[in-house]
Every structure is written in C-alpha cells, then in structure tokens.
C-alpha cells in the first residue's frame, strides 16, 4: 500500500482545509521523510486523518458516531478526511465525513458518511459505512488493527509492535514489504522435497 495524498478539514486543532501531496518531489526525492513539530502542532491529526479516511476510526478515539465526535474542530459544523492510495489491486480514494445539522457548530451531529472509490474510474465501490472498512481490508490486505500496529505505529505503540510474538509480526511485515511470495515459495519447496 502506498499513500499518494491526504486531505482533511476541521480535525482536532487543525481548523480549515489541509492537503498533503505525498507525490510532490519534496517527499519523493529523499525516499523518506519525518513528521515533526511541537506538541499540539497537528502531527497526530495527520495520522488520525489517514485512519478516519480508511477505517472510520482512530487509535485515540475508536469509532465516531452520530452521538459522539471528539475529533471535529470546536466551533465548526463539519469535518472530513480523504486519502488517495494505491495497492496491488489498483488506485483508490477513501473519504470519511461528518456534519452537524445545517452545517452549524451548534447543530445536532448527523451520521458519518464513508466511501471507497476506484480513483481511476470514480466508480463508488462501497458507501455503506459498516462495509467500507471491509472493502479497504480487501484492497490493502490490512484491517484497522494491523494497519495501526504495523504502518502507523501510533504514539507509544512501537514497543508493542516490537514485543509482539513473531507469528503475529511476520505476516504483517510480509504484507508491508511484499515478501509474502518468499513464504509461499518456501512452503512449495518444502512440499516438493518432502
């Protein structure tokens, strides 16, 4: 899985609309980059936006519903997160959004909306909120738990990943690095020699 862009609006302390184009040469030329900044500057909000767009939840807040939304910036009437990404299955765009009634900061929370789209054809693949994360799992090979433990490694979780049992870590690392084929080859060689 490769994330191409992240867009979000009114999440946590970052009011307004924000976009990060990870295809920009300033990100791609070095091959690696870091998200840095002072406490409260929005580093974790970027990671929250990725999780919201893909899975409709974050490591810090779990699921967000029509009854509760602690991630929407205060005094705003809507929030959203969008991620464009590619996998071996193709190019996709996931969008999550939630509004308040009439778009007013004091309006009643409306149910969140979530969808995954084929980014090449703009064809909606899934828009039922309970099914989008399943479709994301199909195209990335990772559910929310695997994504947060291996790709995100949210604050304080790195040691938990390192301390995980090898049989829990190995499949995740194979999925991330694309080396699962070597396990398959190993099994076939063992079967043939047996």
N, C-alpha and C. Protein backbone atom coordinates (compact mmCIF):
# COMPACT_ATOMS: atom_id res chain seq x y z
N UNK A 1 0.85 -1.18 0.00
CA UNK A 1 0.00 0.00 0.00
C UNK A 1 0.88 1.24 0.00
N UNK A 2 0.53 2.21 -0.84
CA UNK A 2 1.25 3.47 -0.90
C UNK A 2 0.24 4.61 -0.85
N UNK A 3 0.43 5.51 0.10
CA UNK A 3 -0.46 6.66 0.22
C UNK A 3 0.05 7.77 -0.70
N UNK A 4 -0.84 8.28 -1.56
CA UNK A 4 -0.49 9.32 -2.52
C UNK A 4 -0.81 10.72 -2.01
N UNK A 5 -1.95 10.87 -1.33
CA UNK A 5 -2.32 12.19 -0.81
C UNK A 5 -3.25 12.05 0.38
N UNK A 6 -3.21 13.08 1.21
CA UNK A 6 -4.07 13.15 2.40
C UNK A 6 -4.72 14.53 2.38
N UNK A 7 -6.03 14.56 2.50
CA UNK A 7 -6.77 15.83 2.61
C UNK A 7 -7.67 15.73 3.82
N UNK A 8 -7.76 16.80 4.58
CA UNK A 8 -8.68 16.78 5.71
C UNK A 8 -9.14 18.19 6.03
N UNK A 9 -10.25 18.23 6.77
CA UNK A 9 -10.87 19.52 7.10
C UNK A 9 -11.39 19.46 8.53
N UNK A 10 -11.02 20.46 9.32
CA UNK A 10 -11.55 20.65 10.68
C UNK A 10 -11.40 19.41 11.56
N UNK A 11 -10.17 18.93 11.68
CA UNK A 11 -9.90 17.81 12.57
C UNK A 11 -9.04 18.30 13.73
N UNK A 12 -9.45 17.96 14.94
CA UNK A 12 -8.74 18.33 16.16
C UNK A 12 -8.42 19.83 16.15
N UNK A 13 -7.16 20.19 16.38
CA UNK A 13 -6.81 21.61 16.46
C UNK A 13 -6.53 22.24 15.10
N UNK A 14 -6.59 21.46 14.04
CA UNK A 14 -6.29 22.00 12.70
C UNK A 14 -7.58 22.40 11.99
N UNK A 15 -8.02 23.64 12.24
CA UNK A 15 -9.22 24.16 11.60
C UNK A 15 -8.92 24.49 10.15
N UNK A 16 -9.93 24.41 9.33
CA UNK A 16 -9.76 24.71 7.92
C UNK A 16 -9.42 23.48 7.11
N UNK A 17 -9.07 23.71 5.84
CA UNK A 17 -8.78 22.61 4.93
C UNK A 17 -7.27 22.46 4.75
N UNK A 18 -6.80 21.19 4.75
CA UNK A 18 -5.38 20.89 4.66
C UNK A 18 -5.18 19.80 3.62
N UNK A 19 -4.07 19.86 2.90
CA UNK A 19 -3.75 18.83 1.91
C UNK A 19 -2.25 18.55 1.93
N UNK A 20 -1.92 17.26 1.89
CA UNK A 20 -0.52 16.83 1.81
C UNK A 20 -0.41 15.95 0.57
N UNK A 21 0.36 16.39 -0.41
CA UNK A 21 0.57 15.64 -1.63
C UNK A 21 1.88 14.88 -1.50
N UNK A 22 1.78 13.60 -1.18
CA UNK A 22 2.97 12.79 -0.97
C UNK A 22 3.66 12.39 -2.28
N UNK A 23 3.11 12.82 -3.41
CA UNK A 23 3.74 12.61 -4.71
C UNK A 23 4.64 13.79 -5.08
N UNK A 24 4.59 14.84 -4.28
CA UNK A 24 5.41 16.02 -4.52
C UNK A 24 6.89 15.63 -4.43
N UNK A 25 7.73 16.18 -5.31
CA UNK A 25 9.16 15.82 -5.29
C UNK A 25 9.85 16.05 -3.95
N UNK A 26 9.37 16.98 -3.14
CA UNK A 26 10.00 17.20 -1.84
C UNK A 26 9.84 15.99 -0.93
N UNK A 27 8.82 15.16 -1.18
CA UNK A 27 8.64 13.92 -0.42
C UNK A 27 9.30 12.74 -1.12
N UNK A 28 9.20 12.68 -2.44
CA UNK A 28 9.68 11.51 -3.17
C UNK A 28 11.18 11.51 -3.42
N UNK A 29 11.82 12.68 -3.48
CA UNK A 29 13.23 12.74 -3.83
C UNK A 29 14.13 12.10 -2.77
N UNK A 30 13.81 12.27 -1.51
CA UNK A 30 14.65 11.71 -0.44
C UNK A 30 14.32 10.24 -0.15
N UNK A 31 13.11 9.82 -0.48
CA UNK A 31 12.71 8.45 -0.22
C UNK A 31 12.20 8.22 1.19
N UNK A 32 12.44 9.16 2.09
CA UNK A 32 11.98 9.05 3.47
C UNK A 32 11.77 10.46 4.00
N UNK A 33 10.79 10.61 4.88
CA UNK A 33 10.54 11.90 5.49
C UNK A 33 9.99 11.68 6.89
N UNK A 34 9.99 12.73 7.68
CA UNK A 34 9.51 12.65 9.06
C UNK A 34 8.45 13.72 9.29
N UNK A 35 7.50 13.41 10.13
CA UNK A 35 6.50 14.39 10.56
C UNK A 35 6.97 14.89 11.92
N UNK A 36 7.38 16.15 11.98
CA UNK A 36 7.89 16.71 13.22
C UNK A 36 7.17 17.99 13.57
N UNK A 37 7.29 18.41 14.81
CA UNK A 37 6.69 19.66 15.25
C UNK A 37 6.48 19.65 16.74
N UNK A 38 6.10 20.80 17.25
CA UNK A 38 5.86 20.94 18.67
C UNK A 38 4.59 20.21 19.09
N UNK A 39 4.47 19.95 20.37
CA UNK A 39 3.26 19.34 20.91
C UNK A 39 2.06 20.22 20.56
N UNK A 40 1.03 19.58 20.02
CA UNK A 40 -0.18 20.31 19.66
C UNK A 40 -0.15 20.91 18.26
N UNK A 41 0.91 20.65 17.50
CA UNK A 41 1.01 21.26 16.17
C UNK A 41 0.23 20.49 15.10
N UNK A 42 -0.26 19.29 15.41
CA UNK A 42 -1.11 18.56 14.47
C UNK A 42 -0.50 17.31 13.86
N UNK A 43 0.63 16.85 14.38
CA UNK A 43 1.27 15.65 13.82
C UNK A 43 0.33 14.44 13.91
N UNK A 44 -0.24 14.21 15.05
CA UNK A 44 -1.13 13.06 15.24
C UNK A 44 -2.42 13.25 14.46
N UNK A 45 -2.83 14.48 14.26
CA UNK A 45 -4.04 14.75 13.49
C UNK A 45 -3.89 14.24 12.06
N UNK A 46 -2.70 14.35 11.50
CA UNK A 46 -2.46 13.83 10.14
C UNK A 46 -2.68 12.32 10.14
N UNK A 47 -2.16 11.63 11.15
CA UNK A 47 -2.35 10.18 11.26
C UNK A 47 -3.81 9.83 11.51
N UNK A 48 -4.49 10.65 12.33
CA UNK A 48 -5.92 10.46 12.56
C UNK A 48 -6.69 10.57 11.24
N UNK A 49 -6.32 11.54 10.40
CA UNK A 49 -7.00 11.73 9.11
C UNK A 49 -6.85 10.49 8.24
N UNK A 50 -5.67 9.90 8.22
CA UNK A 50 -5.45 8.69 7.42
C UNK A 50 -6.34 7.56 7.93
N UNK A 51 -6.36 7.36 9.24
CA UNK A 51 -7.18 6.28 9.82
C UNK A 51 -8.66 6.52 9.60
N UNK A 52 -9.11 7.76 9.77
CA UNK A 52 -10.52 8.08 9.56
C UNK A 52 -10.93 7.80 8.13
N UNK A 53 -10.12 8.26 7.19
CA UNK A 53 -10.46 8.07 5.78
C UNK A 53 -10.54 6.59 5.43
N UNK A 54 -9.60 5.81 5.91
CA UNK A 54 -9.55 4.39 5.57
C UNK A 54 -10.54 3.55 6.35
N UNK A 55 -10.60 3.74 7.68
CA UNK A 55 -11.34 2.81 8.53
C UNK A 55 -12.49 3.44 9.33
N UNK A 56 -12.63 4.77 9.29
CA UNK A 56 -13.72 5.41 10.02
C UNK A 56 -13.50 5.46 11.52
N UNK A 57 -12.26 5.26 11.96
CA UNK A 57 -11.92 5.33 13.38
C UNK A 57 -10.46 5.70 13.53
N UNK A 58 -10.06 6.05 14.73
CA UNK A 58 -8.66 6.40 15.00
C UNK A 58 -8.19 5.60 16.21
N UNK A 59 -6.87 5.45 16.37
CA UNK A 59 -6.38 4.73 17.55
C UNK A 59 -6.76 5.43 18.85
N UNK A 60 -6.88 6.75 18.82
CA UNK A 60 -7.17 7.50 20.04
C UNK A 60 -8.65 7.55 20.38
N UNK A 61 -9.52 7.52 19.36
CA UNK A 61 -10.94 7.78 19.61
C UNK A 61 -11.87 6.62 19.29
N UNK A 62 -11.33 5.53 18.76
CA UNK A 62 -12.17 4.40 18.35
C UNK A 62 -13.19 4.89 17.31
N UNK A 63 -14.41 4.37 17.36
CA UNK A 63 -15.41 4.74 16.35
C UNK A 63 -16.07 6.06 16.68
N UNK A 64 -16.44 6.76 15.63
CA UNK A 64 -17.12 8.04 15.76
C UNK A 64 -18.52 7.84 15.21
N UNK A 65 -19.53 8.35 15.93
CA UNK A 65 -20.91 8.07 15.56
C UNK A 65 -21.72 9.36 15.52
N UNK A 66 -23.02 9.21 15.27
CA UNK A 66 -23.92 10.36 15.26
C UNK A 66 -24.10 10.92 16.67
N UNK A 67 -23.76 10.13 17.67
CA UNK A 67 -23.92 10.59 19.04
C UNK A 67 -22.67 11.20 19.64
N UNK A 68 -21.51 10.96 19.03
CA UNK A 68 -20.26 11.41 19.62
C UNK A 68 -19.21 11.65 18.55
N UNK A 69 -18.58 12.82 18.61
CA UNK A 69 -17.48 13.13 17.71
C UNK A 69 -16.54 14.07 18.44
N UNK A 70 -15.46 13.53 18.95
CA UNK A 70 -14.47 14.33 19.67
C UNK A 70 -13.35 14.82 18.76
N UNK A 71 -13.43 14.47 17.47
CA UNK A 71 -12.34 14.85 16.56
C UNK A 71 -12.65 16.11 15.76
N UNK A 72 -13.92 16.46 15.62
CA UNK A 72 -14.30 17.66 14.88
C UNK A 72 -13.80 18.90 15.63
N UNK A 73 -13.14 19.80 14.89
CA UNK A 73 -12.65 21.04 15.49
C UNK A 73 -13.81 21.78 16.13
N UNK A 74 -13.58 22.30 17.32
CA UNK A 74 -14.64 23.04 18.03
C UNK A 74 -15.08 24.25 17.22
N UNK A 75 -16.34 24.58 17.34
CA UNK A 75 -16.95 25.74 16.70
C UNK A 75 -16.97 25.60 15.17
N UNK A 76 -17.03 24.36 14.68
CA UNK A 76 -17.18 24.13 13.24
C UNK A 76 -18.38 23.22 13.02
N UNK A 77 -18.91 23.20 11.81
CA UNK A 77 -20.10 22.42 11.53
C UNK A 77 -19.87 21.17 10.70
N UNK A 78 -18.61 20.91 10.33
CA UNK A 78 -18.32 19.72 9.55
C UNK A 78 -16.84 19.36 9.65
N UNK A 79 -16.54 18.10 9.38
CA UNK A 79 -15.15 17.64 9.30
C UNK A 79 -15.08 16.52 8.28
N UNK A 80 -13.89 16.30 7.75
CA UNK A 80 -13.73 15.25 6.75
C UNK A 80 -12.27 14.82 6.67
N UNK A 81 -12.08 13.65 6.07
CA UNK A 81 -10.74 13.12 5.82
C UNK A 81 -10.80 12.31 4.53
N UNK A 82 -9.77 12.48 3.69
CA UNK A 82 -9.71 11.77 2.41
C UNK A 82 -8.28 11.31 2.15
N UNK A 83 -8.14 10.08 1.72
CA UNK A 83 -6.83 9.52 1.39
C UNK A 83 -6.92 8.87 0.02
N UNK A 84 -5.96 9.20 -0.84
CA UNK A 84 -5.81 8.51 -2.11
C UNK A 84 -4.61 7.58 -1.96
N UNK A 85 -4.79 6.32 -2.31
CA UNK A 85 -3.72 5.33 -2.12
C UNK A 85 -3.76 4.29 -3.22
N UNK A 86 -2.65 3.61 -3.39
CA UNK A 86 -2.60 2.51 -4.34
C UNK A 86 -2.18 1.24 -3.61
N UNK A 87 -2.60 0.12 -4.17
CA UNK A 87 -2.19 -1.19 -3.68
C UNK A 87 -2.04 -2.07 -4.93
N UNK A 88 -1.74 -3.32 -4.73
CA UNK A 88 -1.64 -4.22 -5.87
C UNK A 88 -2.99 -4.36 -6.58
N UNK A 89 -4.07 -3.93 -5.94
CA UNK A 89 -5.41 -4.02 -6.51
C UNK A 89 -5.78 -2.83 -7.38
N UNK A 90 -5.02 -1.71 -7.28
CA UNK A 90 -5.34 -0.53 -8.08
C UNK A 90 -5.15 0.77 -7.31
N UNK A 91 -5.78 1.84 -7.80
CA UNK A 91 -5.72 3.17 -7.20
C UNK A 91 -7.09 3.48 -6.61
N UNK A 92 -7.12 3.91 -5.34
CA UNK A 92 -8.37 4.12 -4.63
C UNK A 92 -8.39 5.45 -3.89
N UNK A 93 -9.60 5.92 -3.59
CA UNK A 93 -9.78 7.11 -2.77
C UNK A 93 -10.84 6.79 -1.72
N UNK A 94 -10.48 6.97 -0.46
CA UNK A 94 -11.41 6.77 0.65
C UNK A 94 -11.74 8.12 1.26
N UNK A 95 -13.02 8.34 1.52
CA UNK A 95 -13.45 9.60 2.11
C UNK A 95 -14.38 9.31 3.29
N UNK A 96 -14.12 10.00 4.39
CA UNK A 96 -14.98 9.95 5.58
C UNK A 96 -15.38 11.38 5.88
N UNK A 97 -16.64 11.61 6.23
CA UNK A 97 -17.08 12.96 6.59
C UNK A 97 -18.23 12.90 7.59
N UNK A 98 -18.33 13.97 8.35
CA UNK A 98 -19.45 14.11 9.28
C UNK A 98 -19.81 15.58 9.38
N UNK A 99 -21.11 15.85 9.45
CA UNK A 99 -21.60 17.22 9.54
C UNK A 99 -22.52 17.36 10.75
N UNK A 100 -22.74 18.60 11.09
CA UNK A 100 -23.77 18.93 12.06
C UNK A 100 -24.97 19.47 11.28
N UNK A 101 -26.15 19.42 11.87
CA UNK A 101 -27.36 19.89 11.20
C UNK A 101 -27.16 21.32 10.70
N UNK A 102 -27.56 21.53 9.45
CA UNK A 102 -27.46 22.83 8.78
C UNK A 102 -26.03 23.36 8.73
N UNK A 103 -25.04 22.50 8.97
CA UNK A 103 -23.64 22.92 8.92
C UNK A 103 -23.25 23.91 10.00
N UNK A 104 -24.09 23.99 11.03
CA UNK A 104 -23.85 24.97 12.11
C UNK A 104 -23.11 24.31 13.27
N UNK A 105 -22.21 25.04 13.91
CA UNK A 105 -21.43 24.48 15.02
C UNK A 105 -22.30 23.98 16.18
N UNK A 106 -23.51 24.54 16.34
CA UNK A 106 -24.38 24.10 17.43
C UNK A 106 -25.43 23.10 16.96
N UNK A 107 -25.36 22.69 15.70
CA UNK A 107 -26.32 21.73 15.16
C UNK A 107 -26.09 20.32 15.69
N UNK A 108 -27.13 19.51 15.61
CA UNK A 108 -27.04 18.13 16.06
C UNK A 108 -26.15 17.34 15.10
N UNK A 109 -25.29 16.47 15.66
CA UNK A 109 -24.43 15.64 14.82
C UNK A 109 -25.26 14.73 13.93
N UNK A 110 -24.87 14.66 12.68
CA UNK A 110 -25.51 13.77 11.71
C UNK A 110 -24.67 12.49 11.62
N UNK A 111 -25.25 11.41 11.13
CA UNK A 111 -24.46 10.18 10.99
C UNK A 111 -23.28 10.42 10.04
N UNK A 112 -22.12 9.83 10.33
CA UNK A 112 -20.99 9.98 9.42
C UNK A 112 -21.23 9.28 8.09
N UNK A 113 -20.52 9.72 7.06
CA UNK A 113 -20.57 9.10 5.75
C UNK A 113 -19.17 8.57 5.44
N UNK A 114 -19.10 7.45 4.73
CA UNK A 114 -17.82 6.82 4.45
C UNK A 114 -17.94 6.12 3.10
N UNK A 115 -16.94 6.28 2.24
CA UNK A 115 -16.98 5.59 0.96
C UNK A 115 -15.58 5.30 0.45
N UNK A 116 -15.50 4.29 -0.40
CA UNK A 116 -14.27 3.98 -1.12
C UNK A 116 -14.60 3.99 -2.60
N UNK A 117 -13.73 4.64 -3.38
CA UNK A 117 -13.96 4.87 -4.79
C UNK A 117 -12.75 4.36 -5.58
N UNK A 118 -12.99 3.79 -6.74
CA UNK A 118 -11.90 3.49 -7.67
C UNK A 118 -11.45 4.84 -8.23
N UNK A 119 -10.23 5.25 -7.91
CA UNK A 119 -9.78 6.60 -8.26
C UNK A 119 -9.55 6.78 -9.76
N UNK A 120 -9.44 5.70 -10.50
CA UNK A 120 -9.25 5.81 -11.96
C UNK A 120 -10.57 6.04 -12.68
N UNK A 121 -11.65 5.41 -12.19
CA UNK A 121 -12.94 5.50 -12.87
C UNK A 121 -13.96 6.35 -12.11
N UNK A 122 -13.63 6.73 -10.87
CA UNK A 122 -14.55 7.44 -9.97
C UNK A 122 -15.80 6.63 -9.67
N UNK A 123 -15.72 5.33 -9.84
CA UNK A 123 -16.83 4.43 -9.53
C UNK A 123 -16.81 4.13 -8.03
N UNK A 124 -17.95 4.36 -7.37
CA UNK A 124 -18.06 4.08 -5.94
C UNK A 124 -18.10 2.57 -5.74
N UNK A 125 -17.15 2.06 -4.96
CA UNK A 125 -17.08 0.62 -4.71
C UNK A 125 -17.90 0.22 -3.50
N UNK A 126 -17.95 1.10 -2.50
CA UNK A 126 -18.74 0.83 -1.30
C UNK A 126 -19.04 2.14 -0.60
N UNK A 127 -20.28 2.30 -0.14
CA UNK A 127 -20.64 3.52 0.58
C UNK A 127 -21.45 3.23 1.84
N UNK A 128 -21.68 1.97 2.13
CA UNK A 128 -22.35 1.64 3.40
C UNK A 128 -21.29 1.68 4.49
N UNK A 129 -21.52 2.52 5.48
CA UNK A 129 -20.50 2.80 6.49
C UNK A 129 -19.98 1.53 7.14
N UNK A 130 -20.81 0.54 7.34
CA UNK A 130 -20.37 -0.69 8.01
C UNK A 130 -19.55 -1.59 7.09
N UNK A 131 -19.55 -1.32 5.76
CA UNK A 131 -18.88 -2.19 4.81
C UNK A 131 -17.60 -1.60 4.20
N UNK A 132 -17.40 -0.30 4.36
CA UNK A 132 -16.24 0.34 3.72
C UNK A 132 -14.92 -0.22 4.27
N UNK A 133 -14.80 -0.33 5.59
CA UNK A 133 -13.56 -0.85 6.18
C UNK A 133 -13.26 -2.26 5.68
N UNK A 134 -14.29 -3.06 5.45
CA UNK A 134 -14.10 -4.40 4.90
C UNK A 134 -13.54 -4.35 3.49
N UNK A 135 -14.03 -3.41 2.68
CA UNK A 135 -13.52 -3.26 1.32
C UNK A 135 -12.08 -2.76 1.35
N UNK A 136 -11.77 -1.84 2.30
CA UNK A 136 -10.39 -1.37 2.45
C UNK A 136 -9.49 -2.55 2.82
N UNK A 137 -9.96 -3.40 3.70
CA UNK A 137 -9.20 -4.59 4.08
C UNK A 137 -8.94 -5.48 2.86
N UNK A 138 -9.94 -5.62 1.99
CA UNK A 138 -9.77 -6.43 0.78
C UNK A 138 -8.68 -5.87 -0.14
N UNK A 139 -8.66 -4.55 -0.34
CA UNK A 139 -7.73 -3.97 -1.31
C UNK A 139 -6.34 -3.70 -0.73
N UNK A 140 -6.23 -3.60 0.60
CA UNK A 140 -4.91 -3.36 1.20
C UNK A 140 -4.33 -4.60 1.85
N UNK A 141 -5.19 -5.55 2.23
CA UNK A 141 -4.73 -6.72 2.93
C UNK A 141 -4.54 -6.48 4.42
N UNK A 142 -5.00 -5.31 4.91
CA UNK A 142 -4.84 -4.98 6.33
C UNK A 142 -6.14 -4.46 6.92
N UNK A 143 -6.49 -4.97 8.10
CA UNK A 143 -7.62 -4.39 8.82
C UNK A 143 -7.09 -3.25 9.69
N UNK A 144 -7.98 -2.60 10.43
CA UNK A 144 -7.60 -1.44 11.24
C UNK A 144 -6.50 -1.79 12.24
N UNK A 145 -6.66 -2.92 12.91
CA UNK A 145 -5.68 -3.33 13.92
C UNK A 145 -4.30 -3.54 13.29
N UNK A 146 -4.24 -4.26 12.18
CA UNK A 146 -2.96 -4.49 11.50
C UNK A 146 -2.36 -3.19 11.00
N UNK A 147 -3.19 -2.31 10.46
CA UNK A 147 -2.70 -1.03 9.94
C UNK A 147 -2.08 -0.19 11.05
N UNK A 148 -2.77 -0.09 12.18
CA UNK A 148 -2.25 0.75 13.26
C UNK A 148 -1.04 0.12 13.95
N UNK A 149 -0.96 -1.20 13.97
CA UNK A 149 0.19 -1.84 14.62
C UNK A 149 1.42 -1.90 13.73
N UNK A 150 1.23 -1.85 12.42
CA UNK A 150 2.39 -2.02 11.55
C UNK A 150 2.73 -0.78 10.73
N UNK A 151 1.77 -0.14 10.15
CA UNK A 151 2.05 1.02 9.30
C UNK A 151 2.11 2.29 10.11
N UNK A 152 1.12 2.50 10.95
CA UNK A 152 1.07 3.74 11.71
C UNK A 152 2.00 3.74 12.91
N UNK A 153 1.97 2.66 13.67
CA UNK A 153 2.71 2.61 14.93
C UNK A 153 2.47 3.90 15.70
N UNK A 154 1.22 4.13 16.03
CA UNK A 154 0.82 5.35 16.73
C UNK A 154 1.64 5.55 17.99
N UNK A 155 1.63 6.76 18.48
CA UNK A 155 2.45 7.14 19.62
C UNK A 155 2.42 6.08 20.71
N UNK A 156 3.60 5.64 21.12
CA UNK A 156 3.71 4.68 22.20
C UNK A 156 3.48 3.24 21.79
N UNK A 157 3.14 3.00 20.52
CA UNK A 157 2.83 1.64 20.10
C UNK A 157 4.01 0.90 19.48
N UNK A 158 5.12 1.59 19.23
CA UNK A 158 6.26 0.95 18.59
C UNK A 158 6.78 -0.21 19.42
N UNK A 159 6.88 0.00 20.73
CA UNK A 159 7.38 -1.09 21.58
C UNK A 159 6.41 -2.26 21.59
N UNK A 160 5.10 -2.00 21.48
CA UNK A 160 4.12 -3.08 21.44
C UNK A 160 4.32 -3.91 20.17
N UNK A 161 4.63 -3.26 19.04
CA UNK A 161 4.89 -3.99 17.80
C UNK A 161 6.16 -4.84 17.95
N UNK A 162 7.20 -4.24 18.53
CA UNK A 162 8.45 -4.98 18.71
C UNK A 162 8.28 -6.15 19.66
N UNK A 163 7.43 -6.01 20.66
CA UNK A 163 7.22 -7.06 21.65
C UNK A 163 6.22 -8.12 21.19
N UNK A 164 5.56 -7.89 20.06
CA UNK A 164 4.58 -8.86 19.56
C UNK A 164 5.28 -10.18 19.24
N UNK A 165 4.52 -11.25 19.33
CA UNK A 165 5.07 -12.57 19.02
C UNK A 165 5.45 -12.61 17.54
N UNK A 166 6.53 -13.33 17.21
CA UNK A 166 6.97 -13.40 15.81
C UNK A 166 5.87 -13.84 14.85
N UNK A 167 5.01 -14.78 15.29
CA UNK A 167 3.95 -15.24 14.39
C UNK A 167 2.89 -14.17 14.16
N UNK A 168 2.84 -13.13 15.01
CA UNK A 168 1.93 -12.00 14.79
C UNK A 168 2.59 -10.94 13.91
N UNK A 169 3.90 -10.76 14.09
CA UNK A 169 4.63 -9.75 13.33
C UNK A 169 4.93 -10.17 11.90
N UNK A 170 5.31 -11.40 11.71
CA UNK A 170 5.78 -11.87 10.40
C UNK A 170 4.77 -11.64 9.27
N UNK A 171 3.50 -12.05 9.43
CA UNK A 171 2.56 -11.83 8.32
C UNK A 171 2.37 -10.35 8.00
N UNK A 172 2.38 -9.51 9.02
CA UNK A 172 2.21 -8.07 8.80
C UNK A 172 3.41 -7.52 8.04
N UNK A 173 4.61 -7.89 8.46
CA UNK A 173 5.80 -7.41 7.76
C UNK A 173 5.86 -7.93 6.32
N UNK A 174 5.43 -9.17 6.11
CA UNK A 174 5.40 -9.70 4.75
C UNK A 174 4.44 -8.90 3.88
N UNK A 175 3.30 -8.53 4.45
CA UNK A 175 2.31 -7.75 3.70
C UNK A 175 2.86 -6.37 3.36
N UNK A 176 3.51 -5.73 4.32
CA UNK A 176 4.04 -4.38 4.11
C UNK A 176 5.16 -4.39 3.08
N UNK A 177 6.07 -5.32 3.21
CA UNK A 177 7.27 -5.33 2.37
C UNK A 177 7.07 -6.09 1.05
N UNK A 178 5.95 -6.78 0.92
CA UNK A 178 5.70 -7.52 -0.31
C UNK A 178 6.53 -8.79 -0.43
N UNK A 179 6.99 -9.32 0.70
CA UNK A 179 7.82 -10.52 0.67
C UNK A 179 7.04 -11.80 0.95
N UNK A 180 5.74 -11.72 0.95
CA UNK A 180 4.91 -12.90 1.21
C UNK A 180 5.18 -14.00 0.19
N UNK A 181 5.57 -13.60 -1.01
CA UNK A 181 5.86 -14.58 -2.06
C UNK A 181 6.96 -15.54 -1.63
N UNK A 182 7.93 -15.06 -0.83
CA UNK A 182 9.03 -15.92 -0.40
C UNK A 182 8.56 -16.99 0.58
N UNK A 183 7.57 -16.66 1.39
CA UNK A 183 6.99 -17.68 2.28
C UNK A 183 6.29 -18.75 1.46
N UNK A 184 5.57 -18.31 0.43
CA UNK A 184 4.87 -19.25 -0.44
C UNK A 184 5.87 -20.16 -1.15
N UNK A 185 6.95 -19.57 -1.65
CA UNK A 185 7.99 -20.36 -2.32
C UNK A 185 8.60 -21.37 -1.35
N UNK A 186 8.86 -20.93 -0.13
CA UNK A 186 9.44 -21.80 0.88
C UNK A 186 8.54 -23.00 1.16
N UNK A 187 7.24 -22.74 1.30
CA UNK A 187 6.29 -23.82 1.55
C UNK A 187 6.28 -24.80 0.38
N UNK A 188 6.26 -24.29 -0.85
CA UNK A 188 6.24 -25.15 -2.04
C UNK A 188 7.51 -25.99 -2.14
N UNK A 189 8.68 -25.41 -1.86
CA UNK A 189 9.93 -26.14 -1.90
C UNK A 189 9.93 -27.25 -0.85
N UNK A 190 9.43 -26.92 0.35
CA UNK A 190 9.35 -27.92 1.42
C UNK A 190 8.43 -29.07 1.01
N UNK A 191 7.27 -28.73 0.42
CA UNK A 191 6.33 -29.76 -0.03
C UNK A 191 6.95 -30.65 -1.10
N UNK A 192 7.66 -30.02 -2.03
CA UNK A 192 8.28 -30.78 -3.14
C UNK A 192 9.35 -31.73 -2.63
N UNK A 193 10.19 -31.26 -1.70
CA UNK A 193 11.25 -32.12 -1.19
C UNK A 193 10.72 -33.19 -0.25
N UNK A 194 9.60 -32.95 0.36
CA UNK A 194 9.02 -33.96 1.24
C UNK A 194 8.43 -35.06 0.39
